[in-house]
Amino acid sequence: PEKIDVVYNGVDLKRFNPDNKNKYRNAMREKLSLGEEFVILYISNNFRLKGLLTLVKSLGELKKSGQDFKALIIGRGNEAPYRKLAERLDCLDNLIFLGHVNEIERYYAASDLYVHPTFYDSCSLVTTESLASGLPVITTVYDGASGIMEDGKDGFVMKDPNSHMALAEKITLFFNDEFRQKASIAARKKAEKYPAEKNCEEIIEIYNEVVA
């Protein structure tokens, strides 16, 4: 352990910024045919590894409880089994599969919560980008980026990526505007501690130590 230094990924704080909501939110919601409902965002090019199954099951629970929401599913992957499951759980109408997209910051701006129930991620960029965009995050202990988060403050860090019931409970908390707003402010503050420049500086420092 004493031979290991941990350097977290840095994030572009200008590109990923809560101010994007003023620029893009209304236009993006119109483009996606969204109204005022609560929007959950999920981004991955490996649906299985990054826990889309858990998310869809949790959305089935939310639907049962009568919550009004939409989930944006972004990334390349086989949608068919997840569509089938969502149909069985009566929540397919709540999911929007978007495939690969450009200008991802616009989708952060259109959303209210980022969910990443991953089984493995060395240090997820989408987690830090979400925080920088002022989006609270729900991720798991298997996401290296969870190491910068404070459970219950800027989001939640789940111990079990299989637990769709726990995930549904955590998501439900963010339907409360006041709770979500506090978490959103905390998320941005946290990301501001990890600018891209800091990542470079820390890596250079390690090389200097090694060279010395």
N, C-alpha and C. Protein backbone atom coordinates (compact mmCIF):
# COMPACT_ATOMS: atom_id res chain seq x y z
N PRO A 1 0.81 -1.24 0.00
CA PRO A 1 0.00 0.00 0.00
C PRO A 1 0.84 1.28 0.00
N GLU A 2 1.99 1.24 0.70
CA GLU A 2 2.79 2.48 0.77
C GLU A 2 3.41 2.83 -0.59
N LYS A 3 3.34 1.91 -1.55
CA LYS A 3 3.88 2.19 -2.89
C LYS A 3 2.79 2.70 -3.84
N ILE A 4 1.61 2.90 -3.30
CA ILE A 4 0.49 3.32 -4.16
C ILE A 4 0.05 4.75 -3.83
N ASP A 5 -0.07 5.56 -4.88
CA ASP A 5 -0.66 6.90 -4.75
C ASP A 5 -1.96 6.88 -5.54
N VAL A 6 -2.99 7.48 -4.99
CA VAL A 6 -4.27 7.56 -5.70
C VAL A 6 -4.45 8.96 -6.26
N VAL A 7 -4.63 9.04 -7.57
CA VAL A 7 -4.90 10.32 -8.22
C VAL A 7 -6.27 10.19 -8.91
N TYR A 8 -7.22 11.00 -8.47
CA TYR A 8 -8.55 10.94 -9.07
C TYR A 8 -8.57 11.66 -10.42
N ASN A 9 -9.44 11.19 -11.31
CA ASN A 9 -9.61 11.87 -12.60
C ASN A 9 -10.02 13.31 -12.38
N GLY A 10 -9.48 14.19 -13.21
CA GLY A 10 -9.89 15.58 -13.17
C GLY A 10 -11.08 15.79 -14.11
N VAL A 11 -11.73 16.93 -13.98
CA VAL A 11 -12.91 17.20 -14.82
C VAL A 11 -12.82 18.62 -15.36
N ASP A 12 -13.32 18.82 -16.56
CA ASP A 12 -13.36 20.14 -17.18
C ASP A 12 -14.51 20.94 -16.56
N LEU A 13 -14.16 21.81 -15.61
CA LEU A 13 -15.18 22.52 -14.83
C LEU A 13 -15.93 23.59 -15.63
N LYS A 14 -15.34 24.02 -16.76
CA LYS A 14 -16.04 24.99 -17.60
C LYS A 14 -17.08 24.29 -18.47
N ARG A 15 -16.67 23.20 -19.08
CA ARG A 15 -17.60 22.47 -19.97
C ARG A 15 -18.76 21.86 -19.17
N PHE A 16 -18.43 21.27 -18.02
CA PHE A 16 -19.45 20.64 -17.19
C PHE A 16 -19.75 21.57 -16.02
N ASN A 17 -20.87 22.24 -16.11
CA ASN A 17 -21.15 23.34 -15.21
C ASN A 17 -22.66 23.47 -14.98
N PRO A 18 -23.08 23.77 -13.75
CA PRO A 18 -24.52 23.93 -13.50
C PRO A 18 -25.18 25.03 -14.35
N ASP A 19 -24.37 26.00 -14.81
CA ASP A 19 -24.91 27.08 -15.65
C ASP A 19 -25.47 26.56 -16.98
N ASN A 20 -25.04 25.35 -17.36
CA ASN A 20 -25.56 24.75 -18.60
C ASN A 20 -27.08 24.57 -18.55
N LYS A 21 -27.62 24.46 -17.34
CA LYS A 21 -29.08 24.31 -17.22
C LYS A 21 -29.79 25.50 -17.84
N ASN A 22 -29.25 26.71 -17.57
CA ASN A 22 -29.86 27.92 -18.15
C ASN A 22 -29.76 27.92 -19.67
N LYS A 23 -28.66 27.35 -20.19
CA LYS A 23 -28.44 27.37 -21.65
C LYS A 23 -29.23 26.29 -22.38
N TYR A 24 -29.22 25.07 -21.83
CA TYR A 24 -29.69 23.93 -22.62
C TYR A 24 -30.95 23.21 -22.11
N ARG A 25 -31.26 23.37 -20.83
CA ARG A 25 -32.29 22.50 -20.23
C ARG A 25 -33.63 22.53 -20.97
N ASN A 26 -34.19 23.70 -21.18
CA ASN A 26 -35.50 23.79 -21.80
C ASN A 26 -35.51 23.24 -23.23
N ALA A 27 -34.48 23.62 -24.00
CA ALA A 27 -34.40 23.16 -25.40
C ALA A 27 -34.24 21.64 -25.48
N MET A 28 -33.41 21.08 -24.60
CA MET A 28 -33.18 19.62 -24.61
C MET A 28 -34.44 18.87 -24.19
N ARG A 29 -35.12 19.40 -23.20
CA ARG A 29 -36.35 18.74 -22.73
C ARG A 29 -37.42 18.77 -23.82
N GLU A 30 -37.45 19.87 -24.55
CA GLU A 30 -38.41 19.97 -25.66
C GLU A 30 -38.05 18.96 -26.75
N LYS A 31 -36.77 18.89 -27.07
CA LYS A 31 -36.28 17.97 -28.11
C LYS A 31 -36.60 16.51 -27.75
N LEU A 32 -36.51 16.19 -26.46
CA LEU A 32 -36.74 14.81 -26.00
C LEU A 32 -38.20 14.55 -25.61
N SER A 33 -39.06 15.53 -25.87
CA SER A 33 -40.49 15.46 -25.51
C SER A 33 -40.69 15.21 -24.01
N LEU A 34 -39.90 15.91 -23.22
CA LEU A 34 -40.03 15.83 -21.76
C LEU A 34 -40.79 17.05 -21.27
N GLY A 35 -41.57 16.83 -20.22
CA GLY A 35 -42.26 17.96 -19.61
C GLY A 35 -41.50 18.39 -18.37
N GLU A 36 -42.22 18.48 -17.27
CA GLU A 36 -41.61 18.89 -16.00
C GLU A 36 -41.24 17.69 -15.13
N GLU A 37 -41.40 16.47 -15.67
CA GLU A 37 -41.16 15.29 -14.83
C GLU A 37 -39.69 15.16 -14.43
N PHE A 38 -39.48 14.37 -13.40
CA PHE A 38 -38.15 14.09 -12.84
C PHE A 38 -37.38 13.23 -13.85
N VAL A 39 -36.14 13.63 -14.15
CA VAL A 39 -35.35 12.91 -15.18
C VAL A 39 -34.09 12.29 -14.58
N ILE A 40 -33.99 10.98 -14.77
CA ILE A 40 -32.83 10.19 -14.32
C ILE A 40 -31.94 9.93 -15.53
N LEU A 41 -30.64 10.12 -15.37
CA LEU A 41 -29.71 9.91 -16.48
C LEU A 41 -28.81 8.70 -16.19
N TYR A 42 -28.55 7.92 -17.26
CA TYR A 42 -27.64 6.76 -17.17
C TYR A 42 -26.83 6.75 -18.46
N ILE A 43 -25.50 6.64 -18.35
CA ILE A 43 -24.62 6.63 -19.53
C ILE A 43 -23.64 5.46 -19.43
N SER A 44 -23.58 4.64 -20.49
CA SER A 44 -22.62 3.53 -20.47
C SER A 44 -22.55 2.88 -21.85
N ASN A 45 -21.39 2.35 -22.18
CA ASN A 45 -21.27 1.53 -23.39
C ASN A 45 -21.14 0.05 -23.03
N ASN A 46 -21.41 -0.27 -21.76
CA ASN A 46 -21.41 -1.67 -21.32
C ASN A 46 -22.56 -1.82 -20.32
N PHE A 47 -23.76 -2.03 -20.84
CA PHE A 47 -24.96 -2.05 -20.01
C PHE A 47 -24.89 -3.08 -18.88
N ARG A 48 -24.29 -4.24 -19.19
CA ARG A 48 -24.25 -5.32 -18.19
C ARG A 48 -23.32 -4.95 -17.03
N LEU A 49 -22.11 -4.51 -17.37
CA LEU A 49 -21.12 -4.20 -16.33
C LEU A 49 -21.53 -3.00 -15.49
N LYS A 50 -22.19 -2.05 -16.13
CA LYS A 50 -22.52 -0.79 -15.44
C LYS A 50 -23.94 -0.80 -14.84
N GLY A 51 -24.52 -2.00 -14.70
CA GLY A 51 -25.70 -2.15 -13.85
C GLY A 51 -27.04 -1.67 -14.39
N LEU A 52 -27.21 -1.69 -15.72
CA LEU A 52 -28.50 -1.24 -16.26
C LEU A 52 -29.66 -2.14 -15.79
N LEU A 53 -29.37 -3.42 -15.60
CA LEU A 53 -30.41 -4.35 -15.11
C LEU A 53 -30.96 -3.87 -13.76
N THR A 54 -30.05 -3.52 -12.86
CA THR A 54 -30.46 -3.03 -11.53
C THR A 54 -31.29 -1.76 -11.66
N LEU A 55 -30.86 -0.87 -12.55
CA LEU A 55 -31.58 0.38 -12.73
C LEU A 55 -33.01 0.13 -13.23
N VAL A 56 -33.14 -0.71 -14.25
CA VAL A 56 -34.47 -0.97 -14.82
C VAL A 56 -35.39 -1.59 -13.76
N LYS A 57 -34.85 -2.54 -12.98
CA LYS A 57 -35.67 -3.15 -11.91
C LYS A 57 -36.11 -2.09 -10.90
N SER A 58 -35.20 -1.16 -10.58
CA SER A 58 -35.56 -0.11 -9.61
C SER A 58 -36.63 0.82 -10.19
N LEU A 59 -36.58 1.04 -11.52
CA LEU A 59 -37.58 1.89 -12.16
C LEU A 59 -38.96 1.22 -12.12
N GLY A 60 -38.96 -0.12 -12.18
CA GLY A 60 -40.21 -0.86 -12.03
C GLY A 60 -40.84 -0.60 -10.66
N GLU A 61 -39.98 -0.53 -9.63
CA GLU A 61 -40.47 -0.23 -8.27
C GLU A 61 -41.02 1.19 -8.20
N LEU A 62 -40.30 2.13 -8.82
CA LEU A 62 -40.75 3.53 -8.81
C LEU A 62 -42.11 3.66 -9.50
N LYS A 63 -42.27 2.92 -10.59
CA LYS A 63 -43.53 2.98 -11.34
C LYS A 63 -44.69 2.48 -10.47
N LYS A 64 -44.42 1.41 -9.73
CA LYS A 64 -45.45 0.85 -8.83
C LYS A 64 -45.89 1.88 -7.80
N SER A 65 -44.94 2.72 -7.37
CA SER A 65 -45.26 3.69 -6.32
C SER A 65 -45.94 4.94 -6.90
N GLY A 66 -46.13 4.96 -8.21
CA GLY A 66 -46.87 6.05 -8.84
C GLY A 66 -46.06 7.31 -9.10
N GLN A 67 -44.73 7.20 -9.07
CA GLN A 67 -43.88 8.38 -9.29
C GLN A 67 -43.88 8.77 -10.78
N ASP A 68 -43.75 10.06 -11.04
CA ASP A 68 -43.71 10.57 -12.41
C ASP A 68 -42.24 10.83 -12.78
N PHE A 69 -41.71 10.05 -13.70
CA PHE A 69 -40.28 10.19 -14.05
C PHE A 69 -40.01 9.69 -15.46
N LYS A 70 -38.84 10.08 -15.96
CA LYS A 70 -38.31 9.53 -17.20
C LYS A 70 -36.86 9.17 -16.95
N ALA A 71 -36.37 8.14 -17.64
CA ALA A 71 -34.96 7.75 -17.54
C ALA A 71 -34.34 7.79 -18.93
N LEU A 72 -33.27 8.57 -19.07
CA LEU A 72 -32.55 8.64 -20.34
C LEU A 72 -31.42 7.63 -20.31
N ILE A 73 -31.44 6.69 -21.25
CA ILE A 73 -30.40 5.65 -21.33
C ILE A 73 -29.52 5.96 -22.53
N ILE A 74 -28.28 6.37 -22.25
CA ILE A 74 -27.37 6.79 -23.31
C ILE A 74 -26.21 5.80 -23.42
N GLY A 75 -25.83 5.47 -24.67
CA GLY A 75 -24.68 4.59 -24.88
C GLY A 75 -25.00 3.45 -25.83
N ARG A 76 -23.94 2.80 -26.29
CA ARG A 76 -24.11 1.68 -27.23
C ARG A 76 -24.23 0.38 -26.45
N GLY A 77 -25.16 -0.46 -26.87
CA GLY A 77 -25.35 -1.75 -26.20
C GLY A 77 -26.62 -2.41 -26.71
N ASN A 78 -26.80 -3.66 -26.34
CA ASN A 78 -28.00 -4.39 -26.76
C ASN A 78 -29.18 -3.99 -25.88
N GLU A 79 -30.07 -3.20 -26.45
CA GLU A 79 -31.21 -2.68 -25.68
C GLU A 79 -32.31 -3.72 -25.45
N ALA A 80 -32.39 -4.72 -26.35
CA ALA A 80 -33.55 -5.62 -26.39
C ALA A 80 -33.92 -6.24 -25.03
N PRO A 81 -32.97 -6.89 -24.30
CA PRO A 81 -33.36 -7.52 -23.04
C PRO A 81 -33.86 -6.51 -22.00
N TYR A 82 -33.34 -5.30 -22.04
CA TYR A 82 -33.74 -4.27 -21.07
C TYR A 82 -35.11 -3.70 -21.42
N ARG A 83 -35.37 -3.58 -22.72
CA ARG A 83 -36.71 -3.15 -23.16
C ARG A 83 -37.75 -4.19 -22.74
N LYS A 84 -37.38 -5.46 -22.94
CA LYS A 84 -38.31 -6.56 -22.61
C LYS A 84 -38.62 -6.57 -21.12
N LEU A 85 -37.57 -6.41 -20.30
CA LEU A 85 -37.75 -6.38 -18.85
C LEU A 85 -38.62 -5.18 -18.44
N ALA A 86 -38.33 -4.02 -19.02
CA ALA A 86 -39.08 -2.80 -18.69
C ALA A 86 -40.56 -2.97 -19.06
N GLU A 87 -40.79 -3.64 -20.17
CA GLU A 87 -42.17 -3.89 -20.60
C GLU A 87 -42.89 -4.77 -19.57
N ARG A 88 -42.17 -5.79 -19.12
CA ARG A 88 -42.74 -6.72 -18.12
C ARG A 88 -43.03 -5.99 -16.80
N LEU A 89 -42.18 -5.02 -16.46
CA LEU A 89 -42.33 -4.28 -15.20
C LEU A 89 -43.23 -3.05 -15.38
N ASP A 90 -43.80 -2.90 -16.59
CA ASP A 90 -44.72 -1.81 -16.88
C ASP A 90 -44.07 -0.43 -16.76
N CYS A 91 -42.77 -0.34 -17.11
CA CYS A 91 -42.14 0.99 -17.04
C CYS A 91 -41.43 1.34 -18.35
N LEU A 92 -41.72 0.62 -19.44
CA LEU A 92 -41.05 0.89 -20.71
C LEU A 92 -41.32 2.31 -21.20
N ASP A 93 -42.52 2.81 -20.96
CA ASP A 93 -42.88 4.17 -21.38
C ASP A 93 -42.05 5.23 -20.64
N ASN A 94 -41.45 4.84 -19.53
CA ASN A 94 -40.65 5.79 -18.73
C ASN A 94 -39.19 5.82 -19.18
N LEU A 95 -38.81 4.91 -20.08
CA LEU A 95 -37.42 4.84 -20.54
C LEU A 95 -37.29 5.43 -21.93
N ILE A 96 -36.20 6.17 -22.15
CA ILE A 96 -35.89 6.68 -23.49
C ILE A 96 -34.46 6.22 -23.82
N PHE A 97 -34.35 5.29 -24.79
CA PHE A 97 -33.04 4.80 -25.22
C PHE A 97 -32.54 5.73 -26.33
N LEU A 98 -31.40 6.35 -26.12
CA LEU A 98 -30.91 7.37 -27.06
C LEU A 98 -29.69 6.93 -27.86
N GLY A 99 -29.12 5.76 -27.56
CA GLY A 99 -27.92 5.33 -28.26
C GLY A 99 -26.76 6.27 -27.99
N HIS A 100 -25.84 6.38 -28.97
CA HIS A 100 -24.68 7.28 -28.81
C HIS A 100 -25.12 8.71 -29.07
N VAL A 101 -24.66 9.64 -28.25
CA VAL A 101 -25.00 11.06 -28.46
C VAL A 101 -23.73 11.91 -28.43
N ASN A 102 -23.82 13.09 -29.00
CA ASN A 102 -22.74 14.08 -28.90
C ASN A 102 -23.16 15.16 -27.92
N GLU A 103 -22.23 15.99 -27.52
CA GLU A 103 -22.49 17.10 -26.60
C GLU A 103 -23.22 16.62 -25.35
N ILE A 104 -22.56 15.71 -24.65
CA ILE A 104 -23.15 15.05 -23.48
C ILE A 104 -23.54 16.05 -22.39
N GLU A 105 -22.85 17.20 -22.34
CA GLU A 105 -23.16 18.19 -21.30
C GLU A 105 -24.61 18.69 -21.38
N ARG A 106 -25.19 18.63 -22.58
CA ARG A 106 -26.59 19.06 -22.76
C ARG A 106 -27.55 18.09 -22.06
N TYR A 107 -27.15 16.83 -22.02
CA TYR A 107 -28.02 15.81 -21.39
C TYR A 107 -27.92 15.87 -19.87
N TYR A 108 -26.72 16.22 -19.37
CA TYR A 108 -26.60 16.46 -17.93
C TYR A 108 -27.52 17.62 -17.54
N ALA A 109 -27.52 18.66 -18.39
CA ALA A 109 -28.32 19.86 -18.10
C ALA A 109 -29.82 19.56 -18.07
N ALA A 110 -30.24 18.59 -18.87
CA ALA A 110 -31.67 18.26 -18.96
C ALA A 110 -32.14 17.35 -17.84
N SER A 111 -31.18 16.81 -17.06
CA SER A 111 -31.50 15.77 -16.07
C SER A 111 -31.49 16.30 -14.64
N ASP A 112 -32.02 15.47 -13.72
CA ASP A 112 -32.09 15.84 -12.30
C ASP A 112 -31.21 14.98 -11.40
N LEU A 113 -30.85 13.79 -11.90
CA LEU A 113 -30.09 12.83 -11.08
C LEU A 113 -29.31 11.91 -12.00
N TYR A 114 -28.06 11.61 -11.63
CA TYR A 114 -27.28 10.62 -12.40
C TYR A 114 -27.19 9.32 -11.60
N VAL A 115 -27.50 8.19 -12.24
CA VAL A 115 -27.47 6.89 -11.56
C VAL A 115 -26.49 5.95 -12.28
N HIS A 116 -25.57 5.37 -11.51
CA HIS A 116 -24.49 4.55 -12.08
C HIS A 116 -24.25 3.31 -11.20
N PRO A 117 -25.15 2.32 -11.26
CA PRO A 117 -25.03 1.15 -10.35
C PRO A 117 -24.00 0.13 -10.85
N THR A 118 -22.78 0.59 -11.03
CA THR A 118 -21.74 -0.20 -11.69
C THR A 118 -21.17 -1.34 -10.83
N PHE A 119 -20.75 -2.40 -11.51
CA PHE A 119 -20.07 -3.51 -10.85
C PHE A 119 -18.55 -3.31 -10.89
N TYR A 120 -18.10 -2.43 -11.81
CA TYR A 120 -16.67 -2.10 -11.83
C TYR A 120 -16.44 -0.83 -12.65
N ASP A 121 -15.67 0.07 -12.10
CA ASP A 121 -15.25 1.29 -12.79
C ASP A 121 -14.03 1.80 -12.06
N SER A 122 -12.89 1.89 -12.74
CA SER A 122 -11.68 2.31 -12.02
C SER A 122 -11.85 3.73 -11.45
N CYS A 123 -12.40 4.65 -12.26
CA CYS A 123 -12.72 6.00 -11.76
C CYS A 123 -13.60 6.65 -12.83
N SER A 124 -14.88 6.47 -12.66
CA SER A 124 -15.85 6.82 -13.71
C SER A 124 -15.86 8.31 -14.04
N LEU A 125 -15.61 8.63 -15.30
CA LEU A 125 -15.65 10.03 -15.75
C LEU A 125 -17.06 10.59 -15.68
N VAL A 126 -18.06 9.74 -15.98
CA VAL A 126 -19.44 10.24 -15.94
C VAL A 126 -19.84 10.67 -14.53
N THR A 127 -19.27 10.01 -13.53
CA THR A 127 -19.56 10.40 -12.14
C THR A 127 -19.04 11.81 -11.86
N THR A 128 -17.78 12.08 -12.23
CA THR A 128 -17.20 13.40 -11.96
C THR A 128 -17.84 14.47 -12.85
N GLU A 129 -18.17 14.12 -14.09
CA GLU A 129 -18.83 15.08 -14.98
C GLU A 129 -20.21 15.46 -14.45
N SER A 130 -20.92 14.47 -13.91
CA SER A 130 -22.24 14.72 -13.33
C SER A 130 -22.14 15.66 -12.14
N LEU A 131 -21.21 15.35 -11.24
CA LEU A 131 -21.01 16.20 -10.06
C LEU A 131 -20.69 17.64 -10.48
N ALA A 132 -19.81 17.77 -11.47
CA ALA A 132 -19.42 19.10 -11.94
C ALA A 132 -20.61 19.84 -12.56
N SER A 133 -21.54 19.09 -13.13
CA SER A 133 -22.73 19.68 -13.75
C SER A 133 -23.80 20.00 -12.72
N GLY A 134 -23.49 19.71 -11.45
CA GLY A 134 -24.46 19.96 -10.38
C GLY A 134 -25.52 18.89 -10.28
N LEU A 135 -25.19 17.69 -10.77
CA LEU A 135 -26.13 16.57 -10.66
C LEU A 135 -25.72 15.68 -9.50
N PRO A 136 -26.60 15.43 -8.54
CA PRO A 136 -26.30 14.43 -7.52
C PRO A 136 -26.11 13.07 -8.21
N VAL A 137 -25.30 12.20 -7.59
CA VAL A 137 -24.98 10.91 -8.20
C VAL A 137 -25.29 9.77 -7.24
N ILE A 138 -25.86 8.69 -7.78
CA ILE A 138 -25.94 7.44 -7.03
C ILE A 138 -25.04 6.46 -7.76
N THR A 139 -23.97 6.01 -7.09
CA THR A 139 -23.07 5.03 -7.68
C THR A 139 -22.82 3.93 -6.65
N THR A 140 -21.77 3.12 -6.87
CA THR A 140 -21.49 2.01 -5.95
C THR A 140 -20.04 2.07 -5.47
N VAL A 141 -19.74 1.27 -4.46
CA VAL A 141 -18.37 1.22 -3.93
C VAL A 141 -17.38 0.68 -4.97
N TYR A 142 -17.90 0.09 -6.06
CA TYR A 142 -17.02 -0.47 -7.10
C TYR A 142 -16.66 0.55 -8.16
N ASP A 143 -17.08 1.80 -7.95
CA ASP A 143 -16.69 2.91 -8.81
C ASP A 143 -15.60 3.68 -8.06
N GLY A 144 -14.39 3.71 -8.61
CA GLY A 144 -13.29 4.41 -7.93
C GLY A 144 -13.62 5.86 -7.61
N ALA A 145 -14.44 6.49 -8.46
CA ALA A 145 -14.81 7.89 -8.24
C ALA A 145 -15.67 8.08 -6.99
N SER A 146 -16.24 6.97 -6.48
CA SER A 146 -17.05 7.08 -5.26
C SER A 146 -16.19 7.50 -4.07
N GLY A 147 -14.87 7.35 -4.20
CA GLY A 147 -13.95 7.73 -3.13
C GLY A 147 -13.94 9.22 -2.84
N ILE A 148 -14.42 10.04 -3.79
CA ILE A 148 -14.46 11.49 -3.52
C ILE A 148 -15.83 11.91 -2.98
N MET A 149 -16.80 11.00 -2.99
CA MET A 149 -18.16 11.36 -2.60
C MET A 149 -18.42 11.20 -1.11
N GLU A 150 -19.39 11.96 -0.62
CA GLU A 150 -19.84 11.84 0.77
C GLU A 150 -21.25 11.29 0.75
N ASP A 151 -21.40 10.06 1.21
CA ASP A 151 -22.69 9.38 1.16
C ASP A 151 -23.77 10.20 1.87
N GLY A 152 -24.84 10.49 1.14
CA GLY A 152 -25.94 11.24 1.72
C GLY A 152 -25.82 12.74 1.54
N LYS A 153 -24.67 13.20 1.03
CA LYS A 153 -24.47 14.64 0.87
C LYS A 153 -24.53 15.07 -0.60
N ASP A 154 -23.59 14.54 -1.42
CA ASP A 154 -23.61 14.88 -2.85
C ASP A 154 -24.22 13.75 -3.68
N GLY A 155 -24.80 12.79 -2.99
CA GLY A 155 -25.39 11.61 -3.62
C GLY A 155 -25.30 10.43 -2.67
N PHE A 156 -25.30 9.23 -3.24
CA PHE A 156 -25.20 8.02 -2.41
C PHE A 156 -24.24 7.02 -3.04
N VAL A 157 -23.55 6.27 -2.19
CA VAL A 157 -22.65 5.20 -2.63
C VAL A 157 -23.21 3.89 -2.10
N MET A 158 -23.69 3.05 -3.02
CA MET A 158 -24.31 1.77 -2.63
C MET A 158 -23.26 0.68 -2.46
N LYS A 159 -23.51 -0.19 -1.49
CA LYS A 159 -22.57 -1.31 -1.27
C LYS A 159 -22.85 -2.46 -2.24
N ASP A 160 -24.12 -2.67 -2.60
CA ASP A 160 -24.50 -3.81 -3.44
C ASP A 160 -25.12 -3.34 -4.76
N PRO A 161 -24.39 -3.49 -5.89
CA PRO A 161 -24.92 -3.05 -7.17
C PRO A 161 -26.11 -3.88 -7.67
N ASN A 162 -26.38 -5.00 -6.99
CA ASN A 162 -27.53 -5.84 -7.37
C ASN A 162 -28.83 -5.38 -6.71
N SER A 163 -28.74 -4.56 -5.69
CA SER A 163 -29.91 -4.25 -4.87
C SER A 163 -30.80 -3.17 -5.49
N HIS A 164 -31.75 -3.61 -6.30
CA HIS A 164 -32.63 -2.66 -6.98
C HIS A 164 -33.59 -1.98 -6.00
N MET A 165 -33.93 -2.68 -4.91
CA MET A 165 -34.84 -2.08 -3.92
C MET A 165 -34.14 -0.90 -3.22
N ALA A 166 -32.87 -1.12 -2.85
CA ALA A 166 -32.10 -0.04 -2.20
C ALA A 166 -31.94 1.13 -3.16
N LEU A 167 -31.71 0.83 -4.44
CA LEU A 167 -31.55 1.89 -5.44
C LEU A 167 -32.84 2.68 -5.59
N ALA A 168 -33.97 1.99 -5.65
CA ALA A 168 -35.28 2.67 -5.77
C ALA A 168 -35.51 3.60 -4.58
N GLU A 169 -35.15 3.13 -3.39
CA GLU A 169 -35.31 3.97 -2.18
C GLU A 169 -34.46 5.23 -2.26
N LYS A 170 -33.21 5.06 -2.72
CA LYS A 170 -32.30 6.21 -2.83
C LYS A 170 -32.81 7.21 -3.87
N ILE A 171 -33.26 6.69 -5.02
CA ILE A 171 -33.76 7.59 -6.07
C ILE A 171 -34.95 8.39 -5.55
N THR A 172 -35.84 7.72 -4.82
CA THR A 172 -37.06 8.37 -4.31
C THR A 172 -36.74 9.61 -3.48
N LEU A 173 -35.64 9.58 -2.73
CA LEU A 173 -35.26 10.73 -1.89
C LEU A 173 -35.07 11.99 -2.72
N PHE A 174 -34.63 11.82 -3.97
CA PHE A 174 -34.34 12.98 -4.82
C PHE A 174 -35.58 13.58 -5.48
N PHE A 175 -36.73 12.97 -5.30
CA PHE A 175 -37.97 13.58 -5.78
C PHE A 175 -38.30 14.81 -4.92
N ASN A 176 -37.70 14.87 -3.73
CA ASN A 176 -37.88 16.02 -2.85
C ASN A 176 -36.99 17.16 -3.35
N ASP A 177 -37.62 18.27 -3.76
CA ASP A 177 -36.89 19.39 -4.38
C ASP A 177 -35.79 19.95 -3.48
N GLU A 178 -36.12 20.11 -2.19
CA GLU A 178 -35.15 20.71 -1.26
C GLU A 178 -33.93 19.81 -1.08
N PHE A 179 -34.17 18.51 -0.90
CA PHE A 179 -33.07 17.54 -0.73
C PHE A 179 -32.19 17.52 -1.98
N ARG A 180 -32.85 17.52 -3.14
CA ARG A 180 -32.11 17.47 -4.41
C ARG A 180 -31.28 18.73 -4.62
N GLN A 181 -31.85 19.88 -4.28
CA GLN A 181 -31.16 21.15 -4.45
C GLN A 181 -29.90 21.22 -3.60
N LYS A 182 -30.01 20.77 -2.35
CA LYS A 182 -28.84 20.74 -1.44
C LYS A 182 -27.75 19.83 -2.00
N ALA A 183 -28.17 18.65 -2.46
CA ALA A 183 -27.21 17.67 -3.00
C ALA A 183 -26.56 18.21 -4.28
N SER A 184 -27.32 18.95 -5.06
CA SER A 184 -26.81 19.54 -6.30
C SER A 184 -25.70 20.55 -6.01
N ILE A 185 -25.91 21.40 -5.01
CA ILE A 185 -24.89 22.39 -4.63
C ILE A 185 -23.64 21.69 -4.09
N ALA A 186 -23.86 20.67 -3.26
CA ALA A 186 -22.73 19.90 -2.70
C ALA A 186 -21.95 19.18 -3.80
N ALA A 187 -22.67 18.69 -4.82
CA ALA A 187 -22.03 17.98 -5.93
C ALA A 187 -21.05 18.89 -6.67
N ARG A 188 -21.51 20.08 -7.01
CA ARG A 188 -20.64 21.04 -7.72
C ARG A 188 -19.43 21.43 -6.87
N LYS A 189 -19.68 21.69 -5.58
CA LYS A 189 -18.57 22.07 -4.68
C LYS A 189 -17.52 20.98 -4.65
N LYS A 190 -17.98 19.72 -4.61
CA LYS A 190 -17.06 18.59 -4.56
C LYS A 190 -16.22 18.54 -5.84
N ALA A 191 -16.88 18.67 -7.00
CA ALA A 191 -16.17 18.58 -8.28
C ALA A 191 -15.12 19.68 -8.42
N GLU A 192 -15.40 20.85 -7.83
CA GLU A 192 -14.47 21.97 -7.94
C GLU A 192 -13.11 21.67 -7.28
N LYS A 193 -13.09 20.66 -6.42
CA LYS A 193 -11.82 20.25 -5.80
C LYS A 193 -10.99 19.37 -6.73
N TYR A 194 -11.59 18.96 -7.86
CA TYR A 194 -10.89 18.03 -8.77
C TYR A 194 -10.86 18.55 -10.21
N PRO A 195 -10.29 19.75 -10.43
CA PRO A 195 -10.16 20.24 -11.81
C PRO A 195 -9.15 19.38 -12.58
N ALA A 196 -9.23 19.41 -13.90
CA ALA A 196 -8.32 18.62 -14.74
C ALA A 196 -6.86 18.95 -14.42
N GLU A 197 -6.59 20.24 -14.12
CA GLU A 197 -5.21 20.68 -13.84
C GLU A 197 -4.64 19.97 -12.62
N LYS A 198 -5.49 19.74 -11.62
CA LYS A 198 -5.02 19.08 -10.38
C LYS A 198 -4.54 17.66 -10.69
N ASN A 199 -5.28 16.97 -11.56
CA ASN A 199 -4.91 15.61 -11.97
C ASN A 199 -3.50 15.62 -12.57
N CYS A 200 -3.24 16.57 -13.48
CA CYS A 200 -1.91 16.68 -14.12
C CYS A 200 -0.83 16.98 -13.10
N GLU A 201 -1.11 17.93 -12.22
CA GLU A 201 -0.11 18.33 -11.21
C GLU A 201 0.27 17.16 -10.32
N GLU A 202 -0.74 16.39 -9.89
CA GLU A 202 -0.47 15.27 -8.97
C GLU A 202 0.33 14.16 -9.66
N ILE A 203 0.04 13.94 -10.95
CA ILE A 203 0.79 12.90 -11.69
C ILE A 203 2.25 13.35 -11.88
N ILE A 204 2.44 14.63 -12.23
CA ILE A 204 3.81 15.16 -12.40
C ILE A 204 4.58 15.05 -11.09
N GLU A 205 3.90 15.34 -9.98
CA GLU A 205 4.53 15.25 -8.66
C GLU A 205 5.03 13.83 -8.38
N ILE A 206 4.22 12.85 -8.75
CA ILE A 206 4.60 11.43 -8.54
C ILE A 206 5.84 11.10 -9.38
N TYR A 207 5.83 11.54 -10.67
CA TYR A 207 7.00 11.28 -11.52
C TYR A 207 8.25 11.93 -10.95
N ASN A 208 8.11 13.16 -10.45
CA ASN A 208 9.26 13.85 -9.85
C ASN A 208 9.81 13.09 -8.65
N GLU A 209 8.90 12.57 -7.83
CA GLU A 209 9.32 11.76 -6.67
C GLU A 209 10.09 10.53 -7.11
N VAL A 210 9.57 9.85 -8.13
CA VAL A 210 10.20 8.62 -8.64
C VAL A 210 11.58 8.93 -9.21
N VAL A 211 11.65 10.00 -10.03
CA VAL A 211 12.91 10.41 -10.64
C VAL A 211 13.95 10.76 -9.58
N ALA A 212 13.47 11.46 -8.53
CA ALA A 212 14.38 11.88 -7.44
C ALA A 212 14.94 10.66 -6.71
